[in-house]
Protein backbone atom coordinates (compact mmCIF):
# COMPACT_ATOMS: atom_id res chain seq x y z
CA MET A 1 -12.29 -1.15 -4.57
CA ARG A 2 -9.31 -0.96 -2.19
CA VAL A 3 -7.19 2.02 -1.15
CA LYS A 4 -3.49 2.14 -0.31
CA TYR A 5 -1.36 5.08 0.83
CA TYR A 6 2.23 5.56 -0.24
CA ALA A 7 5.11 7.87 0.77
CA ALA A 8 8.78 8.10 -0.17
CA GLU A 9 11.86 10.03 0.87
CA GLY A 10 14.63 9.34 -1.62
CA GLU A 11 14.77 5.58 -2.07
CA ALA A 12 12.93 4.83 1.18
CA ARG A 13 9.30 3.86 0.61
CA VAL A 14 6.50 3.34 3.10
CA TRP A 15 3.09 1.73 2.59
CA GLU A 16 0.40 2.01 5.24
CA SER A 17 -3.33 1.54 5.57
CA GLU A 18 -3.90 5.04 6.96
CA SER A 19 -2.69 8.29 5.45
CA ARG A 20 -1.85 9.79 8.84
CA GLU A 21 0.77 7.13 9.48
CA VAL A 22 2.40 7.71 6.09
CA PHE A 23 2.33 11.46 5.72
CA ARG A 24 3.17 12.71 9.22
CA ASN A 25 6.78 11.53 8.78
CA LEU A 26 7.24 13.81 5.77
CA GLU A 27 6.83 17.06 7.66
CA GLY A 28 9.88 19.28 7.30
CA LEU A 29 11.47 17.29 4.49
CA ARG A 30 12.71 19.20 1.45
CA HIS A 31 12.11 16.42 -1.10
CA TYR A 32 9.46 13.71 -0.90
CA LYS A 33 6.44 12.22 -2.61
CA GLU A 34 3.10 11.01 -1.29
CA GLY A 35 0.19 9.30 -2.95
CA VAL A 36 -3.04 7.38 -2.59
CA TYR A 37 -3.77 4.45 -4.90
CA PHE A 38 -7.18 3.03 -5.74
CA TYR A 39 -7.28 -0.63 -6.76
CA PRO A 40 -10.50 -1.88 -8.38
CA SER A 41 -11.85 -5.30 -7.50
CA GLU A 42 -12.53 -5.77 -11.22
CA PRO A 43 -9.29 -4.97 -13.12
CA GLU A 44 -11.08 -4.58 -16.45
CA GLU A 45 -13.21 -1.63 -15.40
CA ALA A 46 -13.67 0.93 -18.15
CA VAL A 47 -12.16 3.90 -16.29
CA TRP A 48 -11.02 4.64 -12.77
CA LEU A 49 -8.94 7.18 -10.91
CA TRP A 50 -5.92 5.08 -10.03
CA MET A 51 -3.64 7.51 -8.25
CA VAL A 52 -3.47 11.02 -6.81
CA GLY A 53 -0.12 12.24 -5.56
CA HIS A 54 2.04 15.16 -4.49
CA GLU A 55 5.79 15.52 -4.95
CA LYS A 56 8.51 17.94 -3.96
CA ALA A 57 11.11 16.72 -6.43
CA ASP A 58 14.74 16.01 -5.67
CA PRO A 59 17.06 18.17 -7.86
CA GLN A 60 18.64 14.96 -9.20
CA LYS A 61 15.36 13.39 -10.25
CA LEU A 62 15.24 12.17 -13.86
CA VAL A 63 12.40 10.15 -15.36
CA GLU A 64 12.55 8.75 -18.89
CA GLY A 65 10.54 6.04 -20.60
CA ARG A 66 7.16 5.23 -22.07
CA MET A 67 3.79 5.34 -20.40
CA TRP A 68 1.83 2.10 -20.11
CA ARG A 69 -0.96 1.67 -22.63
CA SER A 70 -3.64 1.77 -19.92
CA ARG A 71 -2.45 4.89 -18.07
CA TRP A 72 -2.96 8.62 -18.56
CA LEU A 73 -1.18 11.06 -16.24
CA LEU A 74 -1.80 14.77 -15.59
CA HIS A 75 0.79 16.82 -13.65
CA ILE A 76 0.02 20.24 -12.14
CA CYS A 77 3.06 22.33 -11.25
CA VAL A 78 2.50 24.38 -8.08
CA GLY A 79 6.07 25.56 -7.45
CA GLY A 80 9.61 25.61 -8.85
CA LYS A 81 10.35 24.73 -12.43
CA GLY A 82 11.80 22.07 -14.70
CA PHE A 83 11.47 20.41 -18.09
CA TYR A 84 9.04 17.93 -19.61
CA ASN A 85 10.09 16.42 -22.94
CA GLY A 86 12.61 19.24 -23.19
CA GLN A 87 9.98 21.97 -22.81
CA PRO A 88 10.02 24.35 -19.82
CA VAL A 89 7.45 23.87 -17.05
CA GLN A 90 6.84 26.31 -14.22
CA ARG A 91 4.29 27.17 -11.55
CA GLY A 92 0.81 27.55 -13.05
CA THR A 93 1.33 25.13 -15.93
CA ALA A 94 0.30 21.53 -16.37
CA PHE A 95 1.69 18.72 -18.50
CA VAL A 96 0.27 15.39 -19.62
CA SER A 97 1.77 11.95 -20.21
CA TRP A 98 -0.29 10.06 -22.75
CA PRO A 99 -0.53 6.24 -22.93
CA HIS A 100 2.33 4.55 -24.79
CA LEU A 101 4.12 7.84 -25.62
CA ALA A 102 7.73 8.51 -24.63
CA HIS A 103 8.19 11.03 -21.85
CA SER A 104 11.04 12.59 -19.88
CA MET A 105 10.91 14.78 -16.79
CA ARG A 106 13.74 16.69 -15.15
CA PRO A 107 13.53 19.34 -12.39
CA ASP A 108 15.62 22.49 -12.48
CA PRO A 109 18.65 21.76 -10.21
CA ASP A 110 18.48 25.23 -8.63
CA ASP A 111 14.69 25.39 -8.24
CA PRO A 112 13.18 21.88 -8.50
CA PHE A 113 9.48 21.78 -9.16
CA GLU A 114 6.68 20.74 -6.86
CA PHE A 115 3.65 19.18 -8.47
CA TYR A 116 0.51 17.15 -7.97
CA TRP A 117 -0.43 14.34 -10.30
CA ILE A 118 -3.59 12.51 -11.30
CA MET A 119 -3.44 9.13 -13.02
CA ILE A 120 -6.45 7.68 -14.82
CA ARG A 121 -6.53 4.02 -15.91
CA GLY A 122 -8.91 1.66 -17.68
CA ARG A 123 -9.74 0.23 -21.06
CA ASP A 124 -11.70 3.37 -22.10
CA VAL A 125 -9.27 5.92 -20.68
CA LEU A 126 -8.58 7.69 -24.00
CA PRO A 127 -12.21 8.38 -25.00
CA TYR A 128 -12.84 9.42 -21.41
CA VAL A 129 -10.14 12.10 -21.22
CA ARG A 130 -10.88 13.32 -24.76
CA GLU A 131 -14.46 13.90 -23.63
CA PHE A 132 -13.11 16.64 -21.36
CA GLY A 133 -11.15 18.42 -24.09
CA PHE A 134 -7.66 16.91 -23.72
CA ARG A 135 -5.68 16.19 -26.90
CA SER A 136 -2.41 14.28 -27.28
CA GLY A 137 -0.85 17.09 -29.32
CA GLU A 138 -1.06 19.47 -26.35
CA LEU A 139 1.32 18.17 -23.69
CA ILE A 140 1.91 21.45 -21.82
CA PHE A 141 -0.68 24.16 -21.16
CA ASP A 142 -1.55 26.91 -18.69
CA CYS A 143 -3.47 25.84 -15.59
CA PRO A 144 -5.59 28.83 -14.44
CA TYR A 145 -7.72 26.53 -12.28
CA MET A 146 -4.76 25.38 -10.16
CA ASN A 147 -5.88 27.14 -6.97
CA GLU A 148 -9.25 25.36 -7.15
CA LEU A 149 -7.78 21.95 -7.92
CA VAL A 150 -5.07 21.77 -5.25
CA PRO A 151 -7.41 21.82 -2.20
CA LEU A 152 -9.47 19.05 -3.79
CA LEU A 153 -6.34 16.98 -4.47
CA HIS A 154 -5.23 17.49 -0.88
CA VAL A 155 -8.59 16.21 0.38
CA ILE A 156 -8.33 13.08 -1.79
CA LEU A 157 -4.79 12.43 -0.55
CA HIS A 158 -5.58 12.74 3.15
CA ASN A 159 -9.16 11.55 3.33
CA ASP A 160 -10.40 8.73 5.56
CA TYR A 161 -12.12 6.28 3.21
CA ALA A 162 -13.30 3.83 5.86
CA ARG A 163 -16.99 4.73 5.39
CA THR A 164 -16.94 5.84 1.78
CA ASP A 165 -18.14 3.93 -1.25
CA ILE A 166 -14.76 4.18 -2.96
CA LYS A 167 -15.98 3.25 -6.41
CA GLU A 168 -18.65 5.95 -6.48
CA PHE A 169 -16.35 8.51 -4.87
CA ASN A 170 -13.60 7.61 -7.34
CA THR A 171 -15.83 8.04 -10.40
CA SER A 172 -17.19 11.37 -9.22
CA MET A 173 -13.77 12.76 -8.29
CA SER A 174 -12.20 11.80 -11.62
CA ARG A 175 -14.94 13.71 -13.45
CA ILE A 176 -14.50 16.78 -11.25
CA LEU A 177 -10.71 16.75 -11.62
CA LEU A 178 -10.87 16.54 -15.40
CA SER A 179 -13.75 18.97 -15.76
CA TYR A 180 -11.55 21.83 -14.58
CA HIS A 181 -9.73 21.62 -17.90
CA ARG A 182 -12.79 23.22 -19.49
CA PHE A 183 -11.96 26.48 -17.75
CA ASN A 184 -9.00 26.73 -20.10
CA ARG A 185 -11.09 26.11 -23.21
CA GLN A 186 -14.43 27.87 -22.89
CA ASN A 187 -15.80 31.15 -21.74
CA LEU A 188 -16.17 31.00 -17.96
CA LEU A 189 -19.62 32.58 -18.06
CA GLU A 190 -20.82 29.92 -20.50
CA ILE A 191 -19.69 27.19 -18.12
CA ARG A 192 -21.33 28.83 -15.14
CA SER A 193 -24.60 29.28 -17.02
CA SER A 194 -24.55 25.69 -18.28
CA GLY A 195 -24.18 24.38 -14.74
CA GLU A 196 -21.85 21.56 -15.86
CA CYS A 197 -19.17 22.15 -13.25
CA TYR A 198 -21.87 22.66 -10.59
CA ALA A 199 -23.47 19.35 -11.52
CA ASN A 200 -20.15 17.52 -11.02
CA TYR A 201 -19.84 18.86 -7.47
CA VAL A 202 -23.45 18.03 -6.66
CA ASP A 203 -23.19 14.48 -8.05
CA SER A 204 -20.14 13.84 -5.87
CA ALA A 205 -21.82 15.39 -2.84
CA LYS A 206 -24.89 13.18 -3.31
CA ASN A 207 -22.72 10.05 -3.46
CA LEU A 208 -20.87 11.03 -0.28
CA LEU A 209 -24.10 11.85 1.55
CA TYR A 210 -25.68 8.54 0.56
CA ASP A 211 -22.59 6.66 1.82
CA HIS A 212 -22.91 8.45 5.18
CA ASN A 213 -26.72 8.07 5.53
CA TYR A 214 -27.16 11.83 5.02
CA THR A 215 -25.68 12.51 8.46
CA LEU A 216 -22.70 14.72 7.48
CA SER A 217 -22.60 18.38 8.42
CA VAL A 218 -22.29 20.97 5.65
CA LYS A 219 -18.74 21.69 6.86
CA GLN A 220 -17.73 18.00 6.74
CA LEU A 221 -19.17 17.63 3.26
CA SER A 222 -17.50 20.77 1.91
CA ASP A 223 -14.15 19.65 3.37
CA MET A 224 -14.47 16.30 1.59
CA LEU A 225 -15.11 18.07 -1.71
CA GLY A 226 -12.34 20.61 -1.20
CA ILE A 227 -14.59 23.68 -1.45
CA THR A 228 -15.98 26.19 1.05
CA PRO A 229 -19.39 25.70 2.71
CA LYS A 230 -20.55 28.93 1.07
CA HIS A 231 -19.63 27.65 -2.40
CA LEU A 232 -21.26 24.29 -1.67
CA CYS A 233 -24.51 26.03 -0.67
CA ARG A 234 -24.40 28.14 -3.83
CA VAL A 235 -23.99 25.18 -6.20
CA PHE A 236 -26.71 23.19 -4.38
CA LEU A 237 -29.20 26.03 -4.58
CA LYS A 238 -28.45 26.52 -8.28
CA THR A 239 -28.57 22.83 -9.21
CA VAL A 240 -30.95 21.18 -6.73
CA GLY A 241 -33.09 24.14 -5.71
CA GLU A 242 -32.46 23.71 -1.99
CA SER A 243 -29.56 24.07 0.42
CA PRO A 244 -27.35 21.09 1.36
CA LYS A 245 -28.92 21.08 4.84
CA GLN A 246 -32.45 21.03 3.42
CA TYR A 247 -31.47 18.27 1.00
CA MET A 248 -29.97 16.15 3.79
CA MET A 249 -33.01 16.62 6.04
CA ARG A 250 -35.35 15.57 3.22
CA LYS A 251 -33.29 12.55 2.13
CA ARG A 252 -32.74 11.42 5.70
CA LEU A 253 -36.51 11.32 6.27
CA GLU A 254 -37.03 9.48 2.98
CA MET A 255 -34.42 6.94 4.08
CA SER A 256 -36.19 6.59 7.43
CA VAL A 257 -39.37 5.51 5.61
CA ASP A 258 -37.50 2.74 3.80
CA LEU A 259 -35.93 1.56 7.06
CA LEU A 260 -39.29 1.54 8.84
CA LYS A 261 -40.92 -0.40 6.01
CA GLY A 262 -38.05 -2.88 6.29
CA GLY A 263 -38.99 -3.55 9.92
CA MET A 264 -36.51 -1.36 11.82
CA LEU A 265 -37.97 0.12 15.00
CA PRO A 266 -38.50 3.91 15.06
CA THR A 267 -36.06 4.33 17.95
CA GLU A 268 -33.42 2.36 16.01
CA VAL A 269 -33.99 4.51 12.92
CA ALA A 270 -33.56 7.68 14.96
CA PHE A 271 -30.28 6.36 16.37
CA MET A 272 -28.96 5.16 13.00
CA LEU A 273 -29.70 8.47 11.29
CA LYS A 274 -28.09 10.42 14.16
CA TYR A 275 -31.04 12.44 15.37
CA ALA A 276 -30.38 14.13 18.72
CA ASP A 277 -33.09 11.97 20.29
CA TYR A 278 -36.25 10.12 19.35
CA ALA A 279 -38.41 13.18 20.02
CA SER A 280 -36.48 15.16 17.38
CA PHE A 281 -36.97 12.38 14.84
CA TYR A 282 -40.68 12.07 15.73
CA ARG A 283 -41.33 15.81 15.28
CA ALA A 284 -39.51 15.97 11.94
CA PHE A 285 -41.30 12.86 10.66
CA LEU A 286 -44.71 14.10 11.78
CA GLN A 287 -44.17 17.50 10.18
CA LYS A 288 -43.23 15.98 6.80
CA TYR A 289 -45.61 13.00 6.56
CA GLY A 290 -48.44 13.96 8.90
CA VAL A 291 -48.32 10.63 10.76
CA SER A 292 -46.10 9.05 13.40
CA PRO A 293 -43.14 6.86 12.31
CA SER A 294 -44.84 3.75 13.69
CA ARG A 295 -47.53 4.00 10.99
CA TYR A 296 -44.91 2.91 8.42
CA LEU A 297 -43.41 0.13 10.53
CA GLY A 298 -43.22 -3.09 8.50
CA HIS A 299 -45.57 -1.77 5.76
CA ALA A 300 -43.59 -2.62 2.63
CA ASP A 301 -44.98 -1.38 -0.69
């Protein structure tokens, strides 16, 4: 899966391979849009997060038409106001464009809205979004989870995907983004006790850690997920039974065993998994497995 960044000021559009090059030119502008697009290598995938974007709308902006059959678009208003299909939209509300339905969007000329958007595509997009409680008859609704969503959207927009398994990251993020809708439908205590929203965070964290050989710091991981390190530790303890640091230490040692069995030298394993030095790796390995790393060298199961 490929990634492409996009930015626009009025009619001027810029495409770049790195978000920094696109977005740094937008600083100070009153009206602009920015986005990141995910392009699957297999266009017939069932569902994927195709686009995440942010827009400070021009007062003259007017959008009318029909959505494509394969696209589903959620907007989250974080400032200003306007109209969607003739209905008022303001900060703290969200509105949805459903596949193949007509839609129109117009900002208030005196206070144009600012919003983020999430676009889901794929042949199974409708069953997928219905799974999370969305219905085509409800185009506009309150968004009490806005303050939790926006930092996550910002991370997705400005992230460096060079070392990330985009397909796994994409799947996990789309589930997290849509799962917030449940906060508007169920009792918050029921959701917390069920652990569903926690599980979404942990699944995404596990994918990111695997992609980075379990060498991220807790701060780096929490930044990628758009949550605080304290919240990340809390959801890990509740769902996994150990802290993120403990989980990474354990998984990194388990990965070291596989690498040793594959023939990689202990010193190379220590370097690849970013231990401070070989002695640190040796001590950790000996404490967990009771033998030196060389005992596993080349011994495939």
